[in-house]
Amino acid sequence: MSKVLLSIIIPVYKVEEYLAKCLDSVLEQGMDLATYEVIVINDGSPDNSKEIIESYLPNHPNLIFIDQENQGVSVARNKGLDRATGEFILFVDPDDAVFEHSIPPLLQIAQEQQLDILYLSLDLYDEAGNFLSHYENCGEEGVVSSGLIHPRRTFPATLYRRDLIGSIRFVKGITRGQDTVFNAMVQSLAQRCSYSNLKYYKYLQRETSSRSLVGNENAFKGCMLAIEAFIEFEQKHFSIASPASISYFFNLKVLFLQRQVEWGLLDTLDKNRYYRIKQFICDHQLEKVAKEVAKIYPYFGASYSVFASYHTVLQFKHHLFRKLSTWKQKALR
């Protein structure tokens, strides 16, 4: 019996128009079916996604179907990780796809170089299938380094060794940035990370807006959950700290505190949220982290009235600048 070399995990929710293309791309890789499994988790999708998945089952014995009530992408991916048996793990989003026959050479690289993590090439496409751009590389091709110093990237184009993941799972309750948290925790334990520029992932740039994050309470609270997850993880796995680990987790805390300000404060200037953040900083001794965020957002360390006044004026200036730019463009037509 062949060893399962790879588990591909695909969480599915409301993607019926993209799903078949995604499944075809991972199921037609020219690999021995016994050497890889495709685990598809239908997360209570209300469209025809379930029926599309079931139509593939008779002809694809390496396709594993899990059906669950809607619990979110983190729970769905965790179900896939619990079921996976492959030596390596790939996550693929159901509205994306991978290049034909792209996976076998990447697995060969990971095996030959004994890698824990291999970051993979990612190209962006629009909904009409037009190429938009090549996403920035994640490290230098062929160069191997430890996880604490290797660049990170949280798009799904990442190959993980399953033993490295171990019991690490996506944190439930983090609705935005859950990929970042999972990736950062896993990579911190890695000894050998690298990057390959071989054509692999087709990322669909859908017509959605990051404006949905602004003022979103779940995204706001999720940033706190992320920072708490990093604190707990660091204490558990890096009780004997090194300069590299201290810097690594410090930067992650800065990132999520910065996101919290961006997503929960800058547009709303909600006084209650401002003091919730300040209390959170105090409770978790994040004063140094807050000072870094204040370098990006002036007066974050001051009183609410000073912070709100400064950013109200700043927002007015930005709004006025956009208006003037629009008028200038119209005048030149």
C-alpha atoms as a PDB file:
ATOM      1  CA  MET A   1       0.000   0.000   0.000  1.00  0.00           C
ATOM      2  CA  SER A   2       1.369   3.406  -1.035  1.00  0.00           C
ATOM      3  CA  LYS A   3       2.136   5.969   1.615  1.00  0.00           C
ATOM      4  CA  VAL A   4      -0.097   9.057   1.607  1.00  0.00           C
ATOM      5  CA  LEU A   5       2.353  11.810   0.784  1.00  0.00           C
ATOM      6  CA  LEU A   6       0.003  14.793   0.661  1.00  0.00           C
ATOM      7  CA  SER A   7      -3.300  15.966   2.126  1.00  0.00           C
ATOM      8  CA  ILE A   8      -5.030  18.870   0.359  1.00  0.00           C
ATOM      9  CA  ILE A   9      -7.634  20.598   2.542  1.00  0.00           C
ATOM     10  CA  ILE A  10     -10.411  22.652   0.920  1.00  0.00           C
ATOM     11  CA  PRO A  11     -13.054  24.401   3.081  1.00  0.00           C
ATOM     12  CA  VAL A  12     -16.221  25.173   1.104  1.00  0.00           C
ATOM     13  CA  TYR A  13     -18.882  27.824   1.633  1.00  0.00           C
ATOM     14  CA  LYS A  14     -21.029  29.519  -1.039  1.00  0.00           C
ATOM     15  CA  VAL A  15     -18.649  28.968  -3.956  1.00  0.00           C
ATOM     16  CA  GLU A  16     -20.704  26.923  -6.405  1.00  0.00           C
ATOM     17  CA  GLU A  17     -19.584  28.994  -9.424  1.00  0.00           C
ATOM     18  CA  TYR A  18     -15.876  28.344  -8.711  1.00  0.00           C
ATOM     19  CA  LEU A  19     -15.807  24.940  -7.037  1.00  0.00           C
ATOM     20  CA  ALA A  20     -15.606  22.609 -10.038  1.00  0.00           C
ATOM     21  CA  LYS A  21     -12.600  24.457 -11.451  1.00  0.00           C
ATOM     22  CA  CYS A  22     -10.855  24.234  -8.072  1.00  0.00           C
ATOM     23  CA  LEU A  23     -11.559  20.508  -7.663  1.00  0.00           C
ATOM     24  CA  ASP A  24     -10.495  19.705 -11.222  1.00  0.00           C
ATOM     25  CA  SER A  25      -7.203  21.507 -10.704  1.00  0.00           C
ATOM     26  CA  VAL A  26      -6.212  19.495  -7.617  1.00  0.00           C
ATOM     27  CA  LEU A  27      -7.607  16.161  -8.793  1.00  0.00           C
ATOM     28  CA  GLU A  28      -5.878  16.246 -12.180  1.00  0.00           C
ATOM     29  CA  GLN A  29      -2.252  16.529 -11.097  1.00  0.00           C
ATOM     30  CA  GLY A  30      -0.980  13.369 -12.764  1.00  0.00           C
ATOM     31  CA  MET A  31      -0.190  11.808  -9.383  1.00  0.00           C
ATOM     32  CA  ASP A  32      -0.827   8.273  -8.205  1.00  0.00           C
ATOM     33  CA  LEU A  33      -4.221   8.562  -6.472  1.00  0.00           C
ATOM     34  CA  ALA A  34      -2.987   6.443  -3.591  1.00  0.00           C
ATOM     35  CA  THR A  35      -0.277   8.968  -2.747  1.00  0.00           C
ATOM     36  CA  TYR A  36      -2.515  11.960  -2.026  1.00  0.00           C
ATOM     37  CA  GLU A  37      -5.920  12.761  -0.595  1.00  0.00           C
ATOM     38  CA  VAL A  38      -8.215  15.719  -1.158  1.00  0.00           C
ATOM     39  CA  ILE A  39     -10.276  16.550   1.931  1.00  0.00           C
ATOM     40  CA  VAL A  40     -13.260  18.773   1.131  1.00  0.00           C
ATOM     41  CA  ILE A  41     -15.286  20.188   4.017  1.00  0.00           C
ATOM     42  CA  ASN A  42     -18.702  21.596   3.170  1.00  0.00           C
ATOM     43  CA  ASP A  43     -19.302  24.201   5.877  1.00  0.00           C
ATOM     44  CA  GLY A  44     -23.094  24.210   5.680  1.00  0.00           C
ATOM     45  CA  SER A  45     -23.064  25.967   2.317  1.00  0.00           C
ATOM     46  CA  PRO A  46     -26.638  26.979   1.342  1.00  0.00           C
ATOM     47  CA  ASP A  47     -25.998  26.795  -2.409  1.00  0.00           C
ATOM     48  CA  ASN A  48     -25.288  23.759  -4.615  1.00  0.00           C
ATOM     49  CA  SER A  49     -21.728  23.236  -3.383  1.00  0.00           C
ATOM     50  CA  LYS A  50     -22.612  19.995  -1.593  1.00  0.00           C
ATOM     51  CA  GLU A  51     -24.147  18.484  -4.718  1.00  0.00           C
ATOM     52  CA  ILE A  52     -21.112  19.477  -6.788  1.00  0.00           C
ATOM     53  CA  ILE A  53     -18.757  17.769  -4.316  1.00  0.00           C
ATOM     54  CA  GLU A  54     -20.892  14.618  -4.228  1.00  0.00           C
ATOM     55  CA  SER A  55     -20.818  14.402  -8.039  1.00  0.00           C
ATOM     56  CA  TYR A  56     -17.028  13.929  -7.871  1.00  0.00           C
ATOM     57  CA  LEU A  57     -17.050  11.123  -5.309  1.00  0.00           C
ATOM     58  CA  PRO A  58     -17.781   8.115  -7.590  1.00  0.00           C
ATOM     59  CA  ASN A  59     -14.783   8.770  -9.855  1.00  0.00           C
ATOM     60  CA  HIS A  60     -12.264  10.008  -7.316  1.00  0.00           C
ATOM     61  CA  PRO A  61     -11.463   7.476  -4.580  1.00  0.00           C
ATOM     62  CA  ASN A  62      -8.917   9.853  -3.016  1.00  0.00           C
ATOM     63  CA  LEU A  63     -11.608  12.487  -2.415  1.00  0.00           C
ATOM     64  CA  ILE A  64     -12.768  12.629   1.226  1.00  0.00           C
ATOM     65  CA  PHE A  65     -16.006  14.513   1.880  1.00  0.00           C
ATOM     66  CA  ILE A  66     -16.913  15.990   5.266  1.00  0.00           C
ATOM     67  CA  ASP A  67     -20.286  17.689   5.665  1.00  0.00           C
ATOM     68  CA  GLN A  68     -20.973  19.916   8.670  1.00  0.00           C
ATOM     69  CA  GLU A  69     -23.266  22.681   9.826  1.00  0.00           C
ATOM     70  CA  ASN A  70     -21.893  26.159   9.261  1.00  0.00           C
ATOM     71  CA  GLN A  71     -19.193  26.829  11.859  1.00  0.00           C
ATOM     72  CA  GLY A  72     -16.744  29.006   9.965  1.00  0.00           C
ATOM     73  CA  VAL A  73     -13.599  28.452   7.935  1.00  0.00           C
ATOM     74  CA  SER A  74     -11.358  27.863  10.965  1.00  0.00           C
ATOM     75  CA  VAL A  75     -13.456  24.944  12.228  1.00  0.00           C
ATOM     76  CA  ALA A  76     -13.678  23.538   8.698  1.00  0.00           C
ATOM     77  CA  ARG A  77      -9.911  23.610   8.216  1.00  0.00           C
ATOM     78  CA  ASN A  78      -9.410  22.063  11.641  1.00  0.00           C
ATOM     79  CA  LYS A  79     -11.718  19.202  10.661  1.00  0.00           C
ATOM     80  CA  GLY A  80      -9.516  18.666   7.628  1.00  0.00           C
ATOM     81  CA  LEU A  81      -6.355  18.686   9.730  1.00  0.00           C
ATOM     82  CA  ASP A  82      -7.862  16.158  12.149  1.00  0.00           C
ATOM     83  CA  ARG A  83      -8.652  13.845   9.231  1.00  0.00           C
ATOM     84  CA  ALA A  84      -5.412  14.318   7.268  1.00  0.00           C
ATOM     85  CA  THR A  85      -2.905  11.472   7.018  1.00  0.00           C
ATOM     86  CA  GLY A  86      -0.417  12.878   4.497  1.00  0.00           C
ATOM     87  CA  GLU A  87       3.208  13.674   5.202  1.00  0.00           C
ATOM     88  CA  PHE A  88       2.581  17.183   3.870  1.00  0.00           C
ATOM     89  CA  ILE A  89      -0.392  19.568   4.022  1.00  0.00           C
ATOM     90  CA  LEU A  90      -1.688  22.055   1.454  1.00  0.00           C
ATOM     91  CA  PHE A  91      -4.638  24.395   1.928  1.00  0.00           C
ATOM     92  CA  VAL A  92      -6.512  25.509  -1.174  1.00  0.00           C
ATOM     93  CA  ASP A  93      -9.375  28.007  -1.101  1.00  0.00           C
ATOM     94  CA  PRO A  94     -12.417  26.835  -3.105  1.00  0.00           C
ATOM     95  CA  ASP A  95     -12.554  29.895  -5.364  1.00  0.00           C
ATOM     96  CA  ASP A  96      -8.898  29.494  -6.337  1.00  0.00           C
ATOM     97  CA  ALA A  97      -7.078  26.856  -8.408  1.00  0.00           C
ATOM     98  CA  VAL A  98      -3.593  25.447  -8.971  1.00  0.00           C
ATOM     99  CA  PHE A  99      -1.594  25.037 -12.155  1.00  0.00           C
ATOM    100  CA  GLU A 100      -1.677  21.699 -13.982  1.00  0.00           C
ATOM    101  CA  HIS A 101       0.934  19.182 -12.765  1.00  0.00           C
ATOM    102  CA  SER A 102       2.396  21.810 -10.434  1.00  0.00           C
ATOM    103  CA  ILE A 103       2.300  19.836  -7.185  1.00  0.00           C
ATOM    104  CA  PRO A 104       4.658  16.857  -7.864  1.00  0.00           C
ATOM    105  CA  PRO A 105       7.831  18.949  -8.420  1.00  0.00           C
ATOM    106  CA  LEU A 106       7.085  20.994  -5.285  1.00  0.00           C
ATOM    107  CA  LEU A 107       6.746  17.841  -3.202  1.00  0.00           C
ATOM    108  CA  GLN A 108      10.049  16.652  -4.622  1.00  0.00           C
ATOM    109  CA  ILE A 109      11.742  19.891  -3.523  1.00  0.00           C
ATOM    110  CA  ALA A 110      10.291  19.628  -0.019  1.00  0.00           C
ATOM    111  CA  GLN A 111      11.434  16.007   0.319  1.00  0.00           C
ATOM    112  CA  GLU A 112      14.907  16.439  -1.143  1.00  0.00           C
ATOM    113  CA  GLN A 113      15.629  19.519   0.997  1.00  0.00           C
ATOM    114  CA  GLN A 114      13.906  18.045   4.061  1.00  0.00           C
ATOM    115  CA  LEU A 115      11.793  21.182   4.470  1.00  0.00           C
ATOM    116  CA  ASP A 116       9.271  21.957   7.179  1.00  0.00           C
ATOM    117  CA  ILE A 117       7.655  24.772   5.175  1.00  0.00           C
ATOM    118  CA  LEU A 118       7.883  25.602   1.491  1.00  0.00           C
ATOM    119  CA  TYR A 119       6.311  28.867   0.371  1.00  0.00           C
ATOM    120  CA  LEU A 120       4.954  28.669  -3.151  1.00  0.00           C
ATOM    121  CA  SER A 121       4.481  30.946  -6.133  1.00  0.00           C
ATOM    122  CA  LEU A 122       1.178  32.834  -6.312  1.00  0.00           C
ATOM    123  CA  ASP A 123      -0.389  34.682  -9.253  1.00  0.00           C
ATOM    124  CA  LEU A 124      -3.459  36.905  -9.045  1.00  0.00           C
ATOM    125  CA  TYR A 125      -6.331  36.633 -11.556  1.00  0.00           C
ATOM    126  CA  ASP A 126      -9.621  38.461 -11.993  1.00  0.00           C
ATOM    127  CA  GLU A 127     -13.012  36.762 -12.272  1.00  0.00           C
ATOM    128  CA  ALA A 128     -12.760  36.689 -16.071  1.00  0.00           C
ATOM    129  CA  GLY A 129      -9.589  34.615 -15.808  1.00  0.00           C
ATOM    130  CA  ASN A 130      -7.245  37.447 -16.766  1.00  0.00           C
ATOM    131  CA  PHE A 131      -3.788  37.509 -15.209  1.00  0.00           C
ATOM    132  CA  LEU A 132      -3.336  40.536 -12.938  1.00  0.00           C
ATOM    133  CA  SER A 133       0.049  40.220 -11.278  1.00  0.00           C
ATOM    134  CA  HIS A 134       2.584  37.937  -9.639  1.00  0.00           C
ATOM    135  CA  TYR A 135       2.452  38.248  -5.871  1.00  0.00           C
ATOM    136  CA  GLU A 136       5.720  39.142  -4.189  1.00  0.00           C
ATOM    137  CA  ASN A 137       8.105  36.283  -3.440  1.00  0.00           C
ATOM    138  CA  CYS A 138       8.386  34.962   0.105  1.00  0.00           C
ATOM    139  CA  GLY A 139      12.120  34.581   0.549  1.00  0.00           C
ATOM    140  CA  GLU A 140      14.890  33.758  -1.874  1.00  0.00           C
ATOM    141  CA  GLU A 141      14.434  30.644  -3.963  1.00  0.00           C
ATOM    142  CA  GLY A 142      16.515  27.723  -2.747  1.00  0.00           C
ATOM    143  CA  VAL A 143      17.685  29.471   0.436  1.00  0.00           C
ATOM    144  CA  VAL A 144      16.813  27.542   3.612  1.00  0.00           C
ATOM    145  CA  SER A 145      16.484  29.234   6.998  1.00  0.00           C
ATOM    146  CA  SER A 146      14.762  28.745  10.337  1.00  0.00           C
ATOM    147  CA  GLY A 147      11.189  29.843  10.847  1.00  0.00           C
ATOM    148  CA  LEU A 148      12.050  32.623  13.283  1.00  0.00           C
ATOM    149  CA  ILE A 149      14.048  34.485  10.640  1.00  0.00           C
ATOM    150  CA  HIS A 150      12.447  33.398   7.346  1.00  0.00           C
ATOM    151  CA  PRO A 151       9.924  35.806   5.768  1.00  0.00           C
ATOM    152  CA  ARG A 152       6.261  34.911   6.306  1.00  0.00           C
ATOM    153  CA  ARG A 153       3.281  35.091   3.985  1.00  0.00           C
ATOM    154  CA  THR A 154      -0.261  34.127   4.918  1.00  0.00           C
ATOM    155  CA  PHE A 155      -1.817  33.332   1.555  1.00  0.00           C
ATOM    156  CA  PRO A 156      -2.749  29.638   1.232  1.00  0.00           C
ATOM    157  CA  ALA A 157       0.110  28.925  -1.191  1.00  0.00           C
ATOM    158  CA  THR A 158       2.165  27.205   1.489  1.00  0.00           C
ATOM    159  CA  LEU A 159       3.286  23.591   1.865  1.00  0.00           C
ATOM    160  CA  TYR A 160       3.556  22.406   5.493  1.00  0.00           C
ATOM    161  CA  ARG A 161       5.039  19.232   6.933  1.00  0.00           C
ATOM    162  CA  ARG A 162       2.192  17.692   8.953  1.00  0.00           C
ATOM    163  CA  ASP A 163       4.434  16.647  11.842  1.00  0.00           C
ATOM    164  CA  LEU A 164       5.439  20.287  12.266  1.00  0.00           C
ATOM    165  CA  ILE A 165       1.789  21.350  12.579  1.00  0.00           C
ATOM    166  CA  GLY A 166       1.186  18.693  15.208  1.00  0.00           C
ATOM    167  CA  SER A 167      -1.678  19.825  17.459  1.00  0.00           C
ATOM    168  CA  ILE A 168      -1.666  23.455  16.272  1.00  0.00           C
ATOM    169  CA  ARG A 169      -5.052  24.472  14.935  1.00  0.00           C
ATOM    170  CA  PHE A 170      -6.811  27.570  13.607  1.00  0.00           C
ATOM    171  CA  VAL A 171      -8.147  29.680  16.469  1.00  0.00           C
ATOM    172  CA  LYS A 172     -11.942  29.756  16.520  1.00  0.00           C
ATOM    173  CA  GLY A 173     -13.367  33.235  16.916  1.00  0.00           C
ATOM    174  CA  ILE A 174     -10.747  35.031  14.810  1.00  0.00           C
ATOM    175  CA  THR A 175     -12.796  35.984  11.765  1.00  0.00           C
ATOM    176  CA  ARG A 176     -10.077  38.004  10.006  1.00  0.00           C
ATOM    177  CA  GLY A 177      -6.420  37.082  10.066  1.00  0.00           C
ATOM    178  CA  GLN A 178      -6.877  33.487  11.198  1.00  0.00           C
ATOM    179  CA  ASP A 179      -4.446  32.408   8.452  1.00  0.00           C
ATOM    180  CA  THR A 180      -1.808  34.757   9.844  1.00  0.00           C
ATOM    181  CA  VAL A 181      -2.145  33.373  13.366  1.00  0.00           C
ATOM    182  CA  PHE A 182      -1.948  29.734  12.258  1.00  0.00           C
ATOM    183  CA  ASN A 183       0.946  30.343   9.885  1.00  0.00           C
ATOM    184  CA  ALA A 184       2.914  32.361  12.431  1.00  0.00           C
ATOM    185  CA  MET A 185       2.587  29.758  15.175  1.00  0.00           C
ATOM    186  CA  VAL A 186       3.563  26.874  12.909  1.00  0.00           C
ATOM    187  CA  GLN A 187       6.480  28.715  11.313  1.00  0.00           C
ATOM    188  CA  SER A 188       7.933  29.701  14.694  1.00  0.00           C
ATOM    189  CA  LEU A 189       8.660  26.003  15.310  1.00  0.00           C
ATOM    190  CA  ALA A 190      10.115  25.307  11.875  1.00  0.00           C
ATOM    191  CA  GLN A 191      13.818  24.622  11.419  1.00  0.00           C
ATOM    192  CA  ARG A 192      13.893  24.558   7.617  1.00  0.00           C
ATOM    193  CA  CYS A 193      11.846  27.010   5.533  1.00  0.00           C
ATOM    194  CA  SER A 194      12.313  27.932   1.891  1.00  0.00           C
ATOM    195  CA  TYR A 195      10.589  29.353  -1.191  1.00  0.00           C
ATOM    196  CA  SER A 196       9.990  28.047  -4.712  1.00  0.00           C
ATOM    197  CA  ASN A 197       9.091  30.199  -7.702  1.00  0.00           C
ATOM    198  CA  LEU A 198       7.698  27.303  -9.748  1.00  0.00           C
ATOM    199  CA  LYS A 199       4.234  28.143 -11.088  1.00  0.00           C
ATOM    200  CA  TYR A 200       1.654  26.875  -8.601  1.00  0.00           C
ATOM    201  CA  TYR A 201      -1.266  28.920  -7.248  1.00  0.00           C
ATOM    202  CA  LYS A 202      -3.988  30.905  -9.054  1.00  0.00           C
ATOM    203  CA  TYR A 203      -5.487  33.344  -6.555  1.00  0.00           C
ATOM    204  CA  LEU A 204      -8.850  34.828  -7.509  1.00  0.00           C
ATOM    205  CA  GLN A 205      -9.026  38.563  -6.805  1.00  0.00           C
ATOM    206  CA  ARG A 206     -12.751  38.819  -6.159  1.00  0.00           C
ATOM    207  CA  GLU A 207     -14.721  42.048  -6.185  1.00  0.00           C
ATOM    208  CA  THR A 208     -14.874  42.434  -2.417  1.00  0.00           C
ATOM    209  CA  SER A 209     -13.847  45.363  -0.278  1.00  0.00           C
ATOM    210  CA  SER A 210     -11.748  45.610   2.850  1.00  0.00           C
ATOM    211  CA  ARG A 211     -14.209  48.306   3.923  1.00  0.00           C
ATOM    212  CA  SER A 212     -16.297  45.495   5.432  1.00  0.00           C
ATOM    213  CA  LEU A 213     -13.647  45.285   8.153  1.00  0.00           C
ATOM    214  CA  VAL A 214     -14.161  48.878   9.258  1.00  0.00           C
ATOM    215  CA  GLY A 215     -16.102  49.011  12.495  1.00  0.00           C
ATOM    216  CA  ASN A 216     -16.632  45.256  12.454  1.00  0.00           C
ATOM    217  CA  GLU A 217     -16.949  44.105  16.063  1.00  0.00           C
ATOM    218  CA  ASN A 218     -15.962  40.504  15.318  1.00  0.00           C
ATOM    219  CA  ALA A 219     -12.806  41.620  13.528  1.00  0.00           C
ATOM    220  CA  PHE A 220     -12.070  44.004  16.411  1.00  0.00           C
ATOM    221  CA  LYS A 221     -12.407  41.259  19.055  1.00  0.00           C
ATOM    222  CA  GLY A 222     -10.554  38.785  16.860  1.00  0.00           C
ATOM    223  CA  CYS A 223      -7.417  40.928  17.064  1.00  0.00           C
ATOM    224  CA  MET A 224      -7.473  40.565  20.849  1.00  0.00           C
ATOM    225  CA  LEU A 225      -7.914  36.805  20.522  1.00  0.00           C
ATOM    226  CA  ALA A 226      -4.941  36.688  18.145  1.00  0.00           C
ATOM    227  CA  ILE A 227      -2.650  38.554  20.542  1.00  0.00           C
ATOM    228  CA  GLU A 228      -3.759  36.336  23.435  1.00  0.00           C
ATOM    229  CA  ALA A 229      -3.065  33.262  21.285  1.00  0.00           C
ATOM    230  CA  PHE A 230       0.461  34.495  20.559  1.00  0.00           C
ATOM    231  CA  ILE A 231       1.125  35.219  24.241  1.00  0.00           C
ATOM    232  CA  GLU A 232      -0.023  31.744  25.271  1.00  0.00           C
ATOM    233  CA  PHE A 233       1.886  30.044  22.450  1.00  0.00           C
ATOM    234  CA  GLU A 234       5.084  31.947  23.190  1.00  0.00           C
ATOM    235  CA  GLN A 235       4.916  31.062  26.879  1.00  0.00           C
ATOM    236  CA  LYS A 236       4.333  27.389  26.067  1.00  0.00           C
ATOM    237  CA  HIS A 237       6.930  26.861  23.341  1.00  0.00           C
ATOM    238  CA  PHE A 238       9.517  29.580  24.051  1.00  0.00           C
ATOM    239  CA  SER A 239       9.730  29.664  27.831  1.00  0.00           C
ATOM    240  CA  ILE A 240      13.488  29.957  27.278  1.00  0.00           C
ATOM    241  CA  ALA A 241      13.394  32.958  24.980  1.00  0.00           C
ATOM    242  CA  SER A 242      15.994  33.987  22.412  1.00  0.00           C
ATOM    243  CA  PRO A 243      16.459  37.394  20.766  1.00  0.00           C
ATOM    244  CA  ALA A 244      14.976  35.902  17.577  1.00  0.00           C
ATOM    245  CA  SER A 245      11.830  34.548  19.287  1.00  0.00           C
ATOM    246  CA  ILE A 246      11.299  37.758  21.280  1.00  0.00           C
ATOM    247  CA  SER A 247      11.491  39.856  18.115  1.00  0.00           C
ATOM    248  CA  TYR A 248       9.296  37.414  16.179  1.00  0.00           C
ATOM    249  CA  PHE A 249       6.363  37.482  18.608  1.00  0.00           C
ATOM    250  CA  PHE A 250       6.753  41.171  19.410  1.00  0.00           C
ATOM    251  CA  ASN A 251       6.251  42.023  15.732  1.00  0.00           C
ATOM    252  CA  LEU A 252       3.170  39.795  15.566  1.00  0.00           C
ATOM    253  CA  LYS A 253       1.611  41.591  18.540  1.00  0.00           C
ATOM    254  CA  VAL A 254       2.360  44.940  16.914  1.00  0.00           C
ATOM    255  CA  LEU A 255       0.724  43.734  13.696  1.00  0.00           C
ATOM    256  CA  PHE A 256      -2.546  42.745  15.359  1.00  0.00           C
ATOM    257  CA  LEU A 257      -2.736  45.773  17.635  1.00  0.00           C
ATOM    258  CA  GLN A 258      -2.208  47.895  14.529  1.00  0.00           C
ATOM    259  CA  ARG A 259      -4.999  46.005  12.753  1.00  0.00           C
ATOM    260  CA  GLN A 260      -7.274  46.588  15.718  1.00  0.00           C
ATOM    261  CA  VAL A 261      -6.722  50.322  15.471  1.00  0.00           C
ATOM    262  CA  GLU A 262      -7.272  50.255  11.698  1.00  0.00           C
ATOM    263  CA  TRP A 263     -10.390  48.076  11.786  1.00  0.00           C
ATOM    264  CA  GLY A 264     -12.021  49.329  14.956  1.00  0.00           C
ATOM    265  CA  LEU A 265     -10.970  52.918  15.611  1.00  0.00           C
ATOM    266  CA  LEU A 266      -9.744  55.054  12.731  1.00  0.00           C
ATOM    267  CA  ASP A 267     -13.082  55.472  10.975  1.00  0.00           C
ATOM    268  CA  THR A 268     -15.414  55.089  13.936  1.00  0.00           C
ATOM    269  CA  LEU A 269     -13.313  56.823  16.623  1.00  0.00           C
ATOM    270  CA  ASP A 270     -15.411  54.831  19.084  1.00  0.00           C
ATOM    271  CA  LYS A 271     -14.578  55.988  22.606  1.00  0.00           C
ATOM    272  CA  ASN A 272     -15.639  52.713  24.213  1.00  0.00           C
ATOM    273  CA  ARG A 273     -13.379  50.711  21.909  1.00  0.00           C
ATOM    274  CA  TYR A 274     -10.470  53.030  22.548  1.00  0.00           C
ATOM    275  CA  TYR A 275     -10.649  52.359  26.271  1.00  0.00           C
ATOM    276  CA  ARG A 276     -11.219  48.638  25.707  1.00  0.00           C
ATOM    277  CA  ILE A 277      -7.942  48.543  23.806  1.00  0.00           C
ATOM    278  CA  LYS A 278      -6.173  50.567  26.483  1.00  0.00           C
ATOM    279  CA  GLN A 279      -7.420  48.171  29.188  1.00  0.00           C
ATOM    280  CA  PHE A 280      -6.338  45.195  27.074  1.00  0.00           C
ATOM    281  CA  ILE A 281      -2.851  46.692  26.744  1.00  0.00           C
ATOM    282  CA  CYS A 282      -2.656  47.163  30.500  1.00  0.00           C
ATOM    283  CA  ASP A 283      -3.980  43.682  31.314  1.00  0.00           C
ATOM    284  CA  HIS A 284      -1.438  41.992  29.035  1.00  0.00           C
ATOM    285  CA  GLN A 285       1.522  44.309  29.646  1.00  0.00           C
ATOM    286  CA  LEU A 286       1.704  45.435  26.045  1.00  0.00           C
ATOM    287  CA  GLU A 287       2.955  48.964  26.662  1.00  0.00           C
ATOM    288  CA  LYS A 288       6.040  48.517  24.437  1.00  0.00           C
ATOM    289  CA  VAL A 289       3.832  47.115  21.694  1.00  0.00           C
ATOM    290  CA  ALA A 290       1.520  50.113  22.018  1.00  0.00           C
ATOM    291  CA  LYS A 291       4.466  52.501  21.666  1.00  0.00           C
ATOM    292  CA  GLU A 292       5.313  50.932  18.304  1.00  0.00           C
ATOM    293  CA  VAL A 293       1.712  51.328  17.144  1.00  0.00           C
ATOM    294  CA  ALA A 294       1.782  54.968  18.280  1.00  0.00           C
ATOM    295  CA  LYS A 295       4.652  55.554  15.828  1.00  0.00           C
ATOM    296  CA  ILE A 296       2.224  54.640  13.050  1.00  0.00           C
ATOM    297  CA  TYR A 297      -0.873  56.298  14.544  1.00  0.00           C
ATOM    298  CA  PRO A 298       0.125  59.447  16.458  1.00  0.00           C
ATOM    299  CA  TYR A 299      -1.335  60.053  19.921  1.00  0.00           C
ATOM    300  CA  PHE A 300      -2.459  56.455  20.319  1.00  0.00           C
ATOM    301  CA  GLY A 301      -0.790  56.572  23.726  1.00  0.00           C
ATOM    302  CA  ALA A 302      -2.533  59.815  24.699  1.00  0.00           C
ATOM    303  CA  SER A 303      -6.026  60.420  26.034  1.00  0.00           C
ATOM    304  CA  TYR A 304      -9.025  59.595  23.880  1.00  0.00           C
ATOM    305  CA  SER A 305      -9.859  63.268  23.278  1.00  0.00           C
ATOM    306  CA  VAL A 306      -6.364  64.025  21.951  1.00  0.00           C
ATOM    307  CA  PHE A 307      -6.294  60.890  19.792  1.00  0.00           C
ATOM    308  CA  ALA A 308      -9.801  61.502  18.423  1.00  0.00           C
ATOM    309  CA  SER A 309      -9.185  65.206  17.741  1.00  0.00           C
ATOM    310  CA  TYR A 310      -5.975  64.548  15.817  1.00  0.00           C
ATOM    311  CA  HIS A 311      -7.460  61.793  13.659  1.00  0.00           C
ATOM    312  CA  THR A 312     -10.677  63.715  13.040  1.00  0.00           C
ATOM    313  CA  VAL A 313      -8.624  66.547  11.548  1.00  0.00           C
ATOM    314  CA  LEU A 314      -6.523  64.019   9.605  1.00  0.00           C
ATOM    315  CA  GLN A 315      -9.632  62.370   8.170  1.00  0.00           C
ATOM    316  CA  PHE A 316     -11.027  65.770   7.155  1.00  0.00           C
ATOM    317  CA  LYS A 317      -7.779  66.604   5.351  1.00  0.00           C
ATOM    318  CA  HIS A 318      -7.810  63.263   3.513  1.00  0.00           C
ATOM    319  CA  HIS A 319     -11.459  63.757   2.548  1.00  0.00           C
ATOM    320  CA  LEU A 320     -10.744  67.286   1.312  1.00  0.00           C
ATOM    321  CA  PHE A 321      -7.707  66.100  -0.650  1.00  0.00           C
ATOM    322  CA  ARG A 322      -9.802  63.420  -2.407  1.00  0.00           C
ATOM    323  CA  LYS A 323     -12.475  65.993  -3.232  1.00  0.00           C
ATOM    324  CA  LEU A 324      -9.919  68.412  -4.691  1.00  0.00           C
ATOM    325  CA  SER A 325      -8.324  65.618  -6.727  1.00  0.00           C
ATOM    326  CA  THR A 326     -11.737  64.679  -8.143  1.00  0.00           C
ATOM    327  CA  TRP A 327     -12.539  68.278  -9.059  1.00  0.00           C
ATOM    328  CA  LYS A 328      -9.128  68.682 -10.693  1.00  0.00           C
ATOM    329  CA  GLN A 329      -9.639  65.552 -12.799  1.00  0.00           C
ATOM    330  CA  LYS A 330     -13.057  66.771 -13.940  1.00  0.00           C
ATOM    331  CA  ALA A 331     -11.644  70.191 -14.814  1.00  0.00           C
ATOM    332  CA  LEU A 332      -8.969  68.618 -17.020  1.00  0.00           C
ATOM    333  CA  ARG A 333     -11.450  66.595 -19.073  1.00  0.00           C
END
